[in-house]
Amino acid sequence: MKHNISITMDQKLFRELENIRGREKRSTFIEHLIILGLKSYKNKKEESRTKHRNASLTVVSPLNFNKTKHQAAT
């Protein structure tokens, strides 16, 4: 079952959509763009979570700070 919605948009955006969609039905084309946008949004959100989850943290004791700094430089 599909739901009917109404949106308002900037005239420039509307013209761009009209020029790109060609002969495809407007509602079908906008639905397709929303699906692509949601997939992209979910992928970026998941990438962001993965980056934060995989971020490494090195804890350096104040006693070993100079030694660790020297090892990283070599």
N, C-alpha and C. Protein backbone atom coordinates (compact mmCIF):
# COMPACT_ATOMS: atom_id res chain seq x y z
N MET A 1 0.84 -1.17 0.00
CA MET A 1 0.00 0.00 0.00
C MET A 1 0.89 1.24 0.00
N LYS A 2 0.58 2.18 -0.82
CA LYS A 2 1.34 3.42 -0.90
C LYS A 2 0.57 4.53 -0.21
N HIS A 3 1.33 5.48 0.33
CA HIS A 3 0.73 6.62 1.01
C HIS A 3 0.88 7.86 0.15
N ASN A 4 -0.10 8.71 0.21
CA ASN A 4 -0.08 9.96 -0.54
C ASN A 4 0.42 11.07 0.39
N ILE A 5 1.47 11.78 -0.04
CA ILE A 5 1.98 12.89 0.74
C ILE A 5 2.05 14.13 -0.13
N SER A 6 2.18 15.26 0.50
CA SER A 6 2.33 16.52 -0.22
C SER A 6 3.56 17.23 0.30
N ILE A 7 4.37 17.78 -0.59
CA ILE A 7 5.55 18.52 -0.18
C ILE A 7 5.60 19.86 -0.91
N THR A 8 6.31 20.78 -0.33
CA THR A 8 6.60 22.04 -1.02
C THR A 8 8.10 22.10 -1.21
N MET A 9 8.53 22.71 -2.30
CA MET A 9 9.95 22.81 -2.58
C MET A 9 10.25 24.08 -3.35
N ASP A 10 11.51 24.45 -3.29
CA ASP A 10 11.99 25.61 -4.00
C ASP A 10 11.77 25.45 -5.50
N GLN A 11 11.48 26.54 -6.17
CA GLN A 11 11.19 26.50 -7.60
C GLN A 11 12.38 25.97 -8.40
N LYS A 12 13.61 26.34 -8.01
CA LYS A 12 14.80 25.86 -8.73
C LYS A 12 14.93 24.35 -8.61
N LEU A 13 14.68 23.82 -7.42
CA LEU A 13 14.73 22.38 -7.21
C LEU A 13 13.67 21.68 -8.04
N PHE A 14 12.47 22.24 -8.07
CA PHE A 14 11.39 21.65 -8.86
C PHE A 14 11.76 21.61 -10.34
N ARG A 15 12.31 22.70 -10.86
CA ARG A 15 12.71 22.74 -12.28
C ARG A 15 13.80 21.71 -12.56
N GLU A 16 14.75 21.58 -11.64
CA GLU A 16 15.82 20.59 -11.83
C GLU A 16 15.25 19.18 -11.87
N LEU A 17 14.34 18.87 -10.97
CA LEU A 17 13.68 17.56 -10.98
C LEU A 17 12.94 17.33 -12.30
N GLU A 18 12.22 18.34 -12.74
CA GLU A 18 11.46 18.22 -13.98
C GLU A 18 12.37 17.98 -15.18
N ASN A 19 13.50 18.66 -15.20
CA ASN A 19 14.43 18.51 -16.32
C ASN A 19 15.10 17.14 -16.32
N ILE A 20 15.38 16.60 -15.15
CA ILE A 20 16.08 15.32 -15.04
C ILE A 20 15.16 14.14 -15.28
N ARG A 21 13.93 14.19 -14.79
CA ARG A 21 13.06 13.01 -14.80
C ARG A 21 12.61 12.59 -16.18
N GLY A 22 12.60 13.48 -17.14
CA GLY A 22 12.17 13.11 -18.49
C GLY A 22 10.72 12.69 -18.51
N ARG A 23 10.45 11.49 -19.04
CA ARG A 23 9.06 11.04 -19.18
C ARG A 23 8.59 10.18 -18.01
N GLU A 24 9.47 9.92 -17.06
CA GLU A 24 9.09 9.13 -15.89
C GLU A 24 8.09 9.92 -15.04
N LYS A 25 7.14 9.21 -14.44
CA LYS A 25 6.18 9.87 -13.57
C LYS A 25 6.90 10.59 -12.44
N ARG A 26 6.43 11.79 -12.13
CA ARG A 26 7.06 12.60 -11.09
C ARG A 26 7.13 11.85 -9.76
N SER A 27 6.04 11.27 -9.34
CA SER A 27 6.01 10.59 -8.04
C SER A 27 6.96 9.39 -8.03
N THR A 28 7.04 8.66 -9.11
CA THR A 28 7.95 7.51 -9.21
C THR A 28 9.39 7.98 -9.13
N PHE A 29 9.69 9.07 -9.83
CA PHE A 29 11.04 9.59 -9.85
C PHE A 29 11.46 10.11 -8.47
N ILE A 30 10.59 10.84 -7.80
CA ILE A 30 10.90 11.36 -6.47
C ILE A 30 11.04 10.21 -5.48
N GLU A 31 10.20 9.19 -5.59
CA GLU A 31 10.32 8.03 -4.72
C GLU A 31 11.68 7.36 -4.92
N HIS A 32 12.10 7.23 -6.16
CA HIS A 32 13.41 6.64 -6.48
C HIS A 32 14.54 7.46 -5.85
N LEU A 33 14.48 8.79 -5.96
CA LEU A 33 15.51 9.65 -5.37
C LEU A 33 15.53 9.54 -3.85
N ILE A 34 14.38 9.41 -3.24
CA ILE A 34 14.31 9.26 -1.79
C ILE A 34 14.94 7.95 -1.37
N ILE A 35 14.68 6.88 -2.10
CA ILE A 35 15.27 5.58 -1.80
C ILE A 35 16.79 5.66 -1.89
N LEU A 36 17.31 6.29 -2.96
CA LEU A 36 18.76 6.44 -3.11
C LEU A 36 19.34 7.28 -1.97
N GLY A 37 18.65 8.35 -1.61
CA GLY A 37 19.12 9.20 -0.53
C GLY A 37 19.14 8.49 0.81
N LEU A 38 18.12 7.69 1.08
CA LEU A 38 18.08 6.94 2.34
C LEU A 38 19.19 5.90 2.41
N LYS A 39 19.46 5.23 1.30
CA LYS A 39 20.55 4.25 1.26
C LYS A 39 21.88 4.94 1.53
N SER A 40 22.09 6.08 0.89
CA SER A 40 23.32 6.84 1.09
C SER A 40 23.44 7.31 2.53
N TYR A 41 22.36 7.79 3.09
CA TYR A 41 22.33 8.27 4.47
C TYR A 41 22.68 7.14 5.44
N LYS A 42 22.07 5.97 5.24
CA LYS A 42 22.34 4.82 6.10
C LYS A 42 23.79 4.37 5.99
N ASN A 43 24.33 4.34 4.77
CA ASN A 43 25.73 3.94 4.57
C ASN A 43 26.68 4.90 5.26
N LYS A 44 26.45 6.20 5.13
CA LYS A 44 27.32 7.19 5.77
C LYS A 44 27.22 7.09 7.28
N LYS A 45 26.02 6.86 7.77
CA LYS A 45 25.83 6.74 9.22
C LYS A 45 26.56 5.51 9.74
N GLU A 46 26.49 4.41 9.02
CA GLU A 46 27.17 3.17 9.42
C GLU A 46 28.69 3.35 9.35
N GLU A 47 29.18 4.03 8.31
CA GLU A 47 30.62 4.29 8.19
C GLU A 47 31.10 5.12 9.37
N SER A 48 30.30 6.10 9.75
CA SER A 48 30.65 6.95 10.88
C SER A 48 30.72 6.15 12.17
N ARG A 49 29.76 5.27 12.38
CA ARG A 49 29.77 4.41 13.57
C ARG A 49 30.99 3.50 13.57
N THR A 50 31.32 2.94 12.41
CA THR A 50 32.45 2.02 12.30
C THR A 50 33.76 2.76 12.58
N LYS A 51 33.90 3.98 12.07
CA LYS A 51 35.12 4.75 12.32
C LYS A 51 35.28 5.04 13.79
N HIS A 52 34.19 5.43 14.45
CA HIS A 52 34.26 5.73 15.88
C HIS A 52 34.54 4.46 16.69
N ARG A 53 33.97 3.35 16.26
CA ARG A 53 34.15 2.09 16.97
C ARG A 53 35.58 1.57 16.82
N ASN A 54 36.19 1.81 15.66
CA ASN A 54 37.52 1.28 15.37
C ASN A 54 38.64 2.26 15.71
N ALA A 55 38.29 3.43 16.19
CA ALA A 55 39.33 4.40 16.54
C ALA A 55 40.19 3.83 17.65
N SER A 56 41.50 3.88 17.44
CA SER A 56 42.41 3.32 18.45
C SER A 56 42.80 4.41 19.44
N LEU A 57 43.01 4.00 20.64
CA LEU A 57 43.40 4.90 21.70
C LEU A 57 44.62 4.31 22.37
N THR A 58 45.68 5.08 22.43
CA THR A 58 46.89 4.63 23.08
C THR A 58 47.02 5.38 24.40
N VAL A 59 47.13 4.63 25.47
CA VAL A 59 47.32 5.22 26.78
C VAL A 59 48.80 5.17 27.10
N VAL A 60 49.36 6.34 27.37
CA VAL A 60 50.79 6.42 27.63
C VAL A 60 51.00 6.87 29.07
N SER A 61 51.76 6.11 29.77
CA SER A 61 52.12 6.47 31.14
C SER A 61 53.04 7.68 31.11
N PRO A 62 52.90 8.59 32.05
CA PRO A 62 53.82 9.74 32.09
C PRO A 62 55.27 9.32 32.18
N LEU A 63 55.53 8.17 32.77
CA LEU A 63 56.90 7.69 32.90
C LEU A 63 57.49 7.23 31.57
N ASN A 64 56.62 6.77 30.65
CA ASN A 64 57.08 6.24 29.37
C ASN A 64 56.81 7.20 28.21
N PHE A 65 56.38 8.41 28.49
CA PHE A 65 55.98 9.34 27.43
C PHE A 65 57.13 9.61 26.46
N ASN A 66 58.29 9.99 26.95
CA ASN A 66 59.42 10.30 26.07
C ASN A 66 59.88 9.08 25.30
N LYS A 67 59.88 7.92 25.94
CA LYS A 67 60.28 6.68 25.28
C LYS A 67 59.32 6.34 24.14
N THR A 68 58.00 6.46 24.39
CA THR A 68 56.99 6.17 23.37
C THR A 68 57.09 7.17 22.23
N LYS A 69 57.28 8.43 22.53
CA LYS A 69 57.42 9.46 21.52
C LYS A 69 58.62 9.17 20.64
N HIS A 70 59.72 8.74 21.25
CA HIS A 70 60.94 8.43 20.49
C HIS A 70 60.72 7.21 19.59
N GLN A 71 60.04 6.19 20.08
CA GLN A 71 59.78 4.98 19.30
C GLN A 71 58.89 5.29 18.11
N ALA A 72 57.90 6.17 18.28
CA ALA A 72 57.00 6.52 17.19
C ALA A 72 57.74 7.27 16.09
N ALA A 73 58.76 8.03 16.46
CA ALA A 73 59.50 8.83 15.49
C ALA A 73 60.45 7.97 14.65
N THR A 74 60.84 6.81 15.15
CA THR A 74 61.80 5.97 14.42
C THR A 74 61.13 4.99 13.53
